[in-house]
């Protein structure tokens, strides 16, 4: 897992934005379900909340986005 402080997160977001201008990216449609559920993990998309064994987990925007992307990909392949 990568953990960024606020300055690093802003730098990564700036780099991604710069790359997005040069590389055509497809918009990813969110899953139709309001939540992605795995054993011990629940991602409530409409609330932007992540719960591990029922407890809220704090994630940065970048971490949350990466988790949702990976979880949605896993849900689609299941």
C-alpha atoms as a PDB file:
ATOM      1  CA  UNK A   1       0.000   0.000   0.000  1.00  0.00           C
ATOM      2  CA  UNK A   2       1.229   3.467  -0.833  1.00  0.00           C
ATOM      3  CA  UNK A   3       0.697   6.254   1.655  1.00  0.00           C
ATOM      4  CA  UNK A   4       1.202   9.857   0.590  1.00  0.00           C
ATOM      5  CA  UNK A   5       1.246  12.991   2.690  1.00  0.00           C
ATOM      6  CA  UNK A   6      -0.816  15.932   1.393  1.00  0.00           C
ATOM      7  CA  UNK A   7       2.095  17.457  -0.546  1.00  0.00           C
ATOM      8  CA  UNK A   8       2.956  14.150  -2.218  1.00  0.00           C
ATOM      9  CA  UNK A   9      -0.687  13.459  -3.044  1.00  0.00           C
ATOM     10  CA  UNK A  10      -1.011  16.860  -4.737  1.00  0.00           C
ATOM     11  CA  UNK A  11       2.176  16.197  -6.717  1.00  0.00           C
ATOM     12  CA  UNK A  12       0.855  12.804  -7.872  1.00  0.00           C
ATOM     13  CA  UNK A  13      -2.500  14.314  -8.855  1.00  0.00           C
ATOM     14  CA  UNK A  14      -0.683  17.065 -10.799  1.00  0.00           C
ATOM     15  CA  UNK A  15       1.428  14.451 -12.611  1.00  0.00           C
ATOM     16  CA  UNK A  16      -1.664  12.389 -13.449  1.00  0.00           C
ATOM     17  CA  UNK A  17      -3.434  15.497 -14.762  1.00  0.00           C
ATOM     18  CA  UNK A  18      -0.409  16.318 -16.959  1.00  0.00           C
ATOM     19  CA  UNK A  19      -0.324  12.774 -18.312  1.00  0.00           C
ATOM     20  CA  UNK A  20      -4.073  12.820 -18.933  1.00  0.00           C
ATOM     21  CA  UNK A  21      -3.540  15.744 -21.304  1.00  0.00           C
ATOM     22  CA  UNK A  22      -1.071  13.656 -23.335  1.00  0.00           C
ATOM     23  CA  UNK A  23      -2.701  10.211 -23.142  1.00  0.00           C
ATOM     24  CA  UNK A  24      -6.311   9.594 -24.180  1.00  0.00           C
ATOM     25  CA  UNK A  25      -8.103   8.095 -21.184  1.00  0.00           C
ATOM     26  CA  UNK A  26     -11.485   6.399 -21.133  1.00  0.00           C
ATOM     27  CA  UNK A  27     -13.955   7.346 -18.468  1.00  0.00           C
ATOM     28  CA  UNK A  28     -14.695   4.439 -16.164  1.00  0.00           C
ATOM     29  CA  UNK A  29     -18.337   3.967 -15.382  1.00  0.00           C
ATOM     30  CA  UNK A  30     -19.040   3.256 -11.723  1.00  0.00           C
ATOM     31  CA  UNK A  31     -20.679  -0.076 -10.961  1.00  0.00           C
ATOM     32  CA  UNK A  32     -24.465  -0.095 -10.851  1.00  0.00           C
ATOM     33  CA  UNK A  33     -24.467  -1.339  -7.274  1.00  0.00           C
ATOM     34  CA  UNK A  34     -24.381   1.291  -4.504  1.00  0.00           C
ATOM     35  CA  UNK A  35     -21.810  -0.848  -2.640  1.00  0.00           C
ATOM     36  CA  UNK A  36     -19.016  -3.289  -3.362  1.00  0.00           C
ATOM     37  CA  UNK A  37     -18.899  -6.019  -0.738  1.00  0.00           C
ATOM     38  CA  UNK A  38     -16.089  -8.455  -0.047  1.00  0.00           C
ATOM     39  CA  UNK A  39     -15.431 -10.586   3.044  1.00  0.00           C
ATOM     40  CA  UNK A  40     -14.591  -8.094   5.802  1.00  0.00           C
ATOM     41  CA  UNK A  41     -14.721  -5.079   3.441  1.00  0.00           C
ATOM     42  CA  UNK A  42     -17.569  -2.883   2.260  1.00  0.00           C
ATOM     43  CA  UNK A  43     -17.212   0.083  -0.089  1.00  0.00           C
ATOM     44  CA  UNK A  44     -20.306   2.290  -0.022  1.00  0.00           C
ATOM     45  CA  UNK A  45     -19.946   4.155  -3.285  1.00  0.00           C
ATOM     46  CA  UNK A  46     -22.826   6.589  -2.803  1.00  0.00           C
ATOM     47  CA  UNK A  47     -21.349   7.676   0.564  1.00  0.00           C
ATOM     48  CA  UNK A  48     -17.653   7.420  -0.405  1.00  0.00           C
ATOM     49  CA  UNK A  49     -17.131   5.286   2.714  1.00  0.00           C
ATOM     50  CA  UNK A  50     -14.977   2.233   3.294  1.00  0.00           C
ATOM     51  CA  UNK A  51     -15.681  -0.136   6.165  1.00  0.00           C
ATOM     52  CA  UNK A  52     -13.389  -2.916   7.316  1.00  0.00           C
ATOM     53  CA  UNK A  53     -15.189  -5.350   9.598  1.00  0.00           C
ATOM     54  CA  UNK A  54     -17.807  -2.615  10.141  1.00  0.00           C
ATOM     55  CA  UNK A  55     -15.320   0.114  11.159  1.00  0.00           C
ATOM     56  CA  UNK A  56     -14.772   3.222   9.036  1.00  0.00           C
ATOM     57  CA  UNK A  57     -11.397   3.423   7.317  1.00  0.00           C
ATOM     58  CA  UNK A  58      -9.929   6.811   6.346  1.00  0.00           C
ATOM     59  CA  UNK A  59      -8.483   6.939   2.826  1.00  0.00           C
ATOM     60  CA  UNK A  60      -7.163   9.821   0.766  1.00  0.00           C
ATOM     61  CA  UNK A  61      -8.904  10.572  -2.524  1.00  0.00           C
ATOM     62  CA  UNK A  62      -6.137   8.799  -4.409  1.00  0.00           C
ATOM     63  CA  UNK A  63      -6.288   5.715  -2.189  1.00  0.00           C
ATOM     64  CA  UNK A  64     -10.095   5.631  -2.376  1.00  0.00           C
ATOM     65  CA  UNK A  65     -10.038   5.953  -6.170  1.00  0.00           C
ATOM     66  CA  UNK A  66      -7.470   3.166  -6.526  1.00  0.00           C
ATOM     67  CA  UNK A  67      -9.423   0.907  -4.159  1.00  0.00           C
ATOM     68  CA  UNK A  68     -12.687   1.488  -6.043  1.00  0.00           C
ATOM     69  CA  UNK A  69     -11.014   0.849  -9.390  1.00  0.00           C
ATOM     70  CA  UNK A  70      -9.448  -2.419  -8.204  1.00  0.00           C
ATOM     71  CA  UNK A  71     -12.581  -3.552  -6.352  1.00  0.00           C
ATOM     72  CA  UNK A  72     -14.830  -2.804  -9.348  1.00  0.00           C
ATOM     73  CA  UNK A  73     -12.436  -4.693 -11.633  1.00  0.00           C
ATOM     74  CA  UNK A  74     -12.501  -7.658  -9.265  1.00  0.00           C
ATOM     75  CA  UNK A  75     -16.294  -7.543  -9.007  1.00  0.00           C
ATOM     76  CA  UNK A  76     -16.634  -7.535 -12.804  1.00  0.00           C
ATOM     77  CA  UNK A  77     -14.330 -10.527 -13.227  1.00  0.00           C
ATOM     78  CA  UNK A  78     -16.079 -12.572 -10.525  1.00  0.00           C
END
